N, C-alpha and C. Protein backbone atom coordinates (compact mmCIF):
# COMPACT_ATOMS: atom_id res chain seq x y z
N MET A 1 102.99 135.16 108.90
CA MET A 1 104.40 135.43 108.68
C MET A 1 105.04 134.22 108.01
N LYS A 2 105.81 134.44 106.98
CA LYS A 2 106.47 133.36 106.27
C LYS A 2 107.68 132.87 107.04
N THR A 3 107.91 131.55 106.98
CA THR A 3 109.08 130.97 107.60
C THR A 3 110.27 131.17 106.66
N PRO A 4 111.42 131.66 107.17
CA PRO A 4 112.59 131.78 106.31
C PRO A 4 112.91 130.43 105.68
N LEU A 5 113.37 130.45 104.45
CA LEU A 5 113.55 129.24 103.66
C LEU A 5 114.32 128.15 104.39
N LEU A 6 115.47 128.47 104.95
CA LEU A 6 116.29 127.42 105.56
C LEU A 6 115.81 127.01 106.95
N ASP A 7 114.80 127.68 107.49
CA ASP A 7 114.26 127.31 108.79
C ASP A 7 113.07 126.37 108.67
N ARG A 8 112.64 126.10 107.44
CA ARG A 8 111.49 125.22 107.27
C ARG A 8 111.85 123.79 107.63
N LYS A 9 110.82 123.03 108.00
CA LYS A 9 110.98 121.60 108.25
C LYS A 9 110.47 120.86 107.03
N ILE A 10 111.18 119.81 106.64
CA ILE A 10 110.81 119.01 105.49
C ILE A 10 110.53 117.59 105.96
N ARG A 11 109.39 117.05 105.55
CA ARG A 11 109.07 115.66 105.89
C ARG A 11 109.42 114.80 104.68
N LEU A 12 110.37 113.90 104.87
CA LEU A 12 110.77 112.94 103.85
C LEU A 12 109.96 111.68 104.07
N ILE A 13 109.46 111.09 102.97
CA ILE A 13 108.49 110.00 103.08
C ILE A 13 108.93 108.81 102.23
N TRP A 14 108.79 107.63 102.82
CA TRP A 14 109.03 106.36 102.13
C TRP A 14 107.71 105.62 102.09
N ASP A 15 107.27 105.22 100.90
CA ASP A 15 106.01 104.48 100.73
C ASP A 15 106.28 102.98 100.70
N PHE A 16 105.41 102.24 101.37
CA PHE A 16 105.47 100.78 101.35
C PHE A 16 104.09 100.27 101.00
N ARG A 17 104.04 99.31 100.08
CA ARG A 17 102.77 98.78 99.61
C ARG A 17 102.77 97.25 99.68
N GLY A 18 101.59 96.71 99.81
CA GLY A 18 101.43 95.26 99.86
C GLY A 18 100.97 94.81 101.22
N PRO A 19 100.79 93.49 101.38
CA PRO A 19 100.25 92.96 102.63
C PRO A 19 101.15 93.21 103.85
N ALA A 20 102.43 93.39 103.65
CA ALA A 20 103.36 93.62 104.77
C ALA A 20 103.74 95.10 104.90
N ALA A 21 102.99 95.99 104.28
CA ALA A 21 103.36 97.40 104.25
C ALA A 21 103.53 98.00 105.65
N THR A 22 102.61 97.73 106.54
CA THR A 22 102.69 98.35 107.87
C THR A 22 103.88 97.82 108.66
N SER A 23 104.11 96.53 108.64
CA SER A 23 105.25 95.99 109.38
C SER A 23 106.57 96.45 108.76
N THR A 24 106.61 96.59 107.44
CA THR A 24 107.82 97.08 106.79
C THR A 24 108.07 98.54 107.15
N ALA A 25 107.03 99.36 107.15
CA ALA A 25 107.17 100.77 107.52
C ALA A 25 107.61 100.90 108.97
N GLU A 26 107.04 100.09 109.84
CA GLU A 26 107.44 100.12 111.25
C GLU A 26 108.91 99.74 111.39
N HIS A 27 109.34 98.71 110.69
CA HIS A 27 110.74 98.27 110.74
C HIS A 27 111.67 99.37 110.19
N TYR A 28 111.30 99.97 109.06
CA TYR A 28 112.14 101.00 108.46
C TYR A 28 112.28 102.20 109.38
N THR A 29 111.24 102.48 110.16
CA THR A 29 111.27 103.58 111.11
C THR A 29 112.39 103.38 112.13
N ARG A 30 112.64 102.15 112.53
CA ARG A 30 113.74 101.88 113.46
C ARG A 30 115.07 102.31 112.86
N HIS A 31 115.26 102.03 111.57
CA HIS A 31 116.49 102.43 110.90
C HIS A 31 116.59 103.95 110.79
N LEU A 32 115.46 104.60 110.58
CA LEU A 32 115.48 106.06 110.52
C LEU A 32 115.87 106.65 111.87
N ARG A 33 115.38 106.08 112.96
CA ARG A 33 115.76 106.55 114.29
C ARG A 33 117.27 106.40 114.52
N GLU A 34 117.82 105.29 114.08
CA GLU A 34 119.27 105.08 114.20
C GLU A 34 120.03 106.13 113.40
N TYR A 35 119.55 106.42 112.19
CA TYR A 35 120.20 107.43 111.35
C TYR A 35 120.17 108.80 112.04
N VAL A 36 119.02 109.18 112.60
CA VAL A 36 118.90 110.46 113.29
C VAL A 36 119.92 110.54 114.42
N PHE A 37 120.05 109.47 115.18
CA PHE A 37 120.98 109.43 116.30
C PHE A 37 122.43 109.57 115.83
N HIS A 38 122.81 108.77 114.84
CA HIS A 38 124.21 108.77 114.37
C HIS A 38 124.60 110.05 113.64
N GLU A 39 123.65 110.65 112.93
CA GLU A 39 123.95 111.87 112.17
C GLU A 39 123.70 113.13 112.99
N GLU A 40 123.16 112.97 114.20
CA GLU A 40 122.89 114.08 115.10
C GLU A 40 122.05 115.16 114.41
N LEU A 41 120.93 114.72 113.83
CA LEU A 41 120.05 115.65 113.13
C LEU A 41 119.35 116.59 114.12
N LYS A 42 118.93 117.73 113.62
CA LYS A 42 118.32 118.77 114.46
C LYS A 42 117.02 118.30 115.11
N TYR A 43 116.21 117.53 114.38
CA TYR A 43 114.93 117.06 114.91
C TYR A 43 114.94 115.53 115.00
N ASP A 44 114.12 115.01 115.89
CA ASP A 44 113.98 113.55 116.00
C ASP A 44 112.54 113.13 115.73
N LEU A 45 111.93 113.79 114.77
CA LEU A 45 110.55 113.49 114.40
C LEU A 45 110.56 112.37 113.36
N VAL A 46 110.27 111.17 113.82
CA VAL A 46 110.30 109.97 112.99
C VAL A 46 109.06 109.16 113.31
N GLY A 47 108.49 108.51 112.31
CA GLY A 47 107.33 107.67 112.59
C GLY A 47 106.86 106.92 111.37
N TYR A 48 105.74 106.24 111.55
CA TYR A 48 105.11 105.53 110.44
C TYR A 48 103.60 105.67 110.59
N LYS A 49 102.90 105.49 109.48
CA LYS A 49 101.45 105.65 109.50
C LYS A 49 100.83 104.72 108.47
N LYS A 50 99.78 104.05 108.86
CA LYS A 50 99.03 103.20 107.94
C LYS A 50 98.03 104.09 107.20
N LEU A 51 98.11 104.11 105.88
CA LEU A 51 97.23 104.95 105.08
C LEU A 51 96.07 104.16 104.48
N GLY A 52 96.23 102.86 104.37
CA GLY A 52 95.20 102.01 103.79
C GLY A 52 95.55 100.56 104.07
N GLU A 53 94.73 99.66 103.60
CA GLU A 53 94.94 98.23 103.84
C GLU A 53 96.30 97.76 103.33
N SER A 54 96.78 98.33 102.24
CA SER A 54 98.05 97.87 101.68
C SER A 54 98.99 99.03 101.36
N HIS A 55 98.89 100.12 102.13
CA HIS A 55 99.78 101.27 101.92
C HIS A 55 100.11 101.90 103.26
N SER A 56 101.39 101.92 103.58
CA SER A 56 101.88 102.58 104.79
C SER A 56 103.09 103.41 104.43
N ILE A 57 103.39 104.37 105.29
CA ILE A 57 104.57 105.21 105.07
C ILE A 57 105.44 105.24 106.32
N SER A 58 106.71 105.48 106.11
CA SER A 58 107.65 105.87 107.15
C SER A 58 108.02 107.31 106.82
N PHE A 59 108.28 108.11 107.85
CA PHE A 59 108.65 109.49 107.59
C PHE A 59 109.69 109.98 108.58
N LEU A 60 110.42 110.99 108.13
CA LEU A 60 111.47 111.62 108.91
C LEU A 60 111.40 113.11 108.63
N VAL A 61 111.34 113.92 109.68
CA VAL A 61 111.31 115.37 109.52
C VAL A 61 112.71 115.90 109.77
N VAL A 62 113.18 116.71 108.81
CA VAL A 62 114.53 117.28 108.90
C VAL A 62 114.45 118.78 108.70
N ALA A 63 115.49 119.47 109.16
CA ALA A 63 115.63 120.90 108.85
C ALA A 63 115.97 121.01 107.37
N GLU A 64 115.50 122.06 106.74
CA GLU A 64 115.71 122.18 105.29
C GLU A 64 117.19 122.15 104.92
N PHE A 65 118.06 122.72 105.75
CA PHE A 65 119.48 122.71 105.41
C PHE A 65 120.08 121.30 105.48
N GLU A 66 119.44 120.39 106.20
CA GLU A 66 119.92 119.00 106.28
C GLU A 66 119.38 118.12 105.15
N MET A 67 118.32 118.58 104.51
CA MET A 67 117.60 117.76 103.55
C MET A 67 118.46 117.20 102.42
N PRO A 68 119.32 117.98 101.76
CA PRO A 68 120.09 117.41 100.64
C PRO A 68 120.93 116.19 101.04
N LYS A 69 121.61 116.26 102.18
CA LYS A 69 122.43 115.12 102.61
C LYS A 69 121.57 113.91 102.95
N VAL A 70 120.50 114.14 103.70
CA VAL A 70 119.62 113.04 104.09
C VAL A 70 118.98 112.43 102.84
N ARG A 71 118.53 113.26 101.93
CA ARG A 71 117.93 112.77 100.68
C ARG A 71 118.92 111.91 99.91
N ASP A 72 120.16 112.37 99.79
CA ASP A 72 121.16 111.61 99.05
C ASP A 72 121.53 110.31 99.77
N ASP A 73 121.57 110.35 101.09
CA ASP A 73 121.92 109.15 101.87
C ASP A 73 120.81 108.11 101.85
N LEU A 74 119.56 108.54 102.01
CA LEU A 74 118.45 107.61 102.28
C LEU A 74 117.45 107.43 101.14
N LYS A 75 117.50 108.25 100.12
CA LYS A 75 116.66 108.11 98.92
C LYS A 75 115.16 107.99 99.23
N PRO A 76 114.57 109.01 99.85
CA PRO A 76 113.13 108.96 100.10
C PRO A 76 112.36 108.96 98.79
N HIS A 77 111.13 108.50 98.84
CA HIS A 77 110.28 108.47 97.65
C HIS A 77 109.70 109.84 97.33
N ARG A 78 109.50 110.64 98.38
CA ARG A 78 108.95 111.97 98.17
C ARG A 78 109.17 112.81 99.42
N GLY A 79 108.85 114.08 99.33
CA GLY A 79 109.00 114.98 100.46
C GLY A 79 108.00 116.11 100.38
N GLU A 80 107.80 116.79 101.50
CA GLU A 80 106.87 117.90 101.54
C GLU A 80 107.26 118.82 102.69
N VAL A 81 106.85 120.05 102.60
CA VAL A 81 107.06 120.97 103.70
C VAL A 81 106.22 120.48 104.87
N TYR A 82 106.83 120.40 106.04
CA TYR A 82 106.17 119.88 107.23
C TYR A 82 105.59 121.04 108.04
N LEU A 83 104.32 120.94 108.35
CA LEU A 83 103.68 121.85 109.28
C LEU A 83 103.38 121.06 110.53
N ASP A 84 103.60 121.63 111.68
CA ASP A 84 103.51 120.88 112.94
C ASP A 84 102.24 120.08 113.10
N ASP A 85 101.17 120.48 112.45
CA ASP A 85 99.91 119.76 112.60
C ASP A 85 99.62 118.86 111.39
N SER A 86 100.64 118.58 110.55
CA SER A 86 100.38 117.84 109.31
C SER A 86 100.57 116.34 109.41
N LEU A 87 100.81 115.80 110.59
CA LEU A 87 100.96 114.36 110.73
C LEU A 87 99.61 113.75 110.59
């Protein structure tokens, strides 16, 4: 069954590269948590992940109807439809 368009979850992603990528992604995640709290977003799915020796990401999952505002406020590098098992 297809998910109705506005009920989808979108994962917004910020890429960090270089020797401090993981610590920078971890730090940025704290700011994302603050944003979720202050903006009272529908979901509180926030985190970071090390993808390689010099590449880490921070991510925030939002409801699709919230995505335009969050995108304009926070300027993520990319986004994708979030599936609950896609972390």
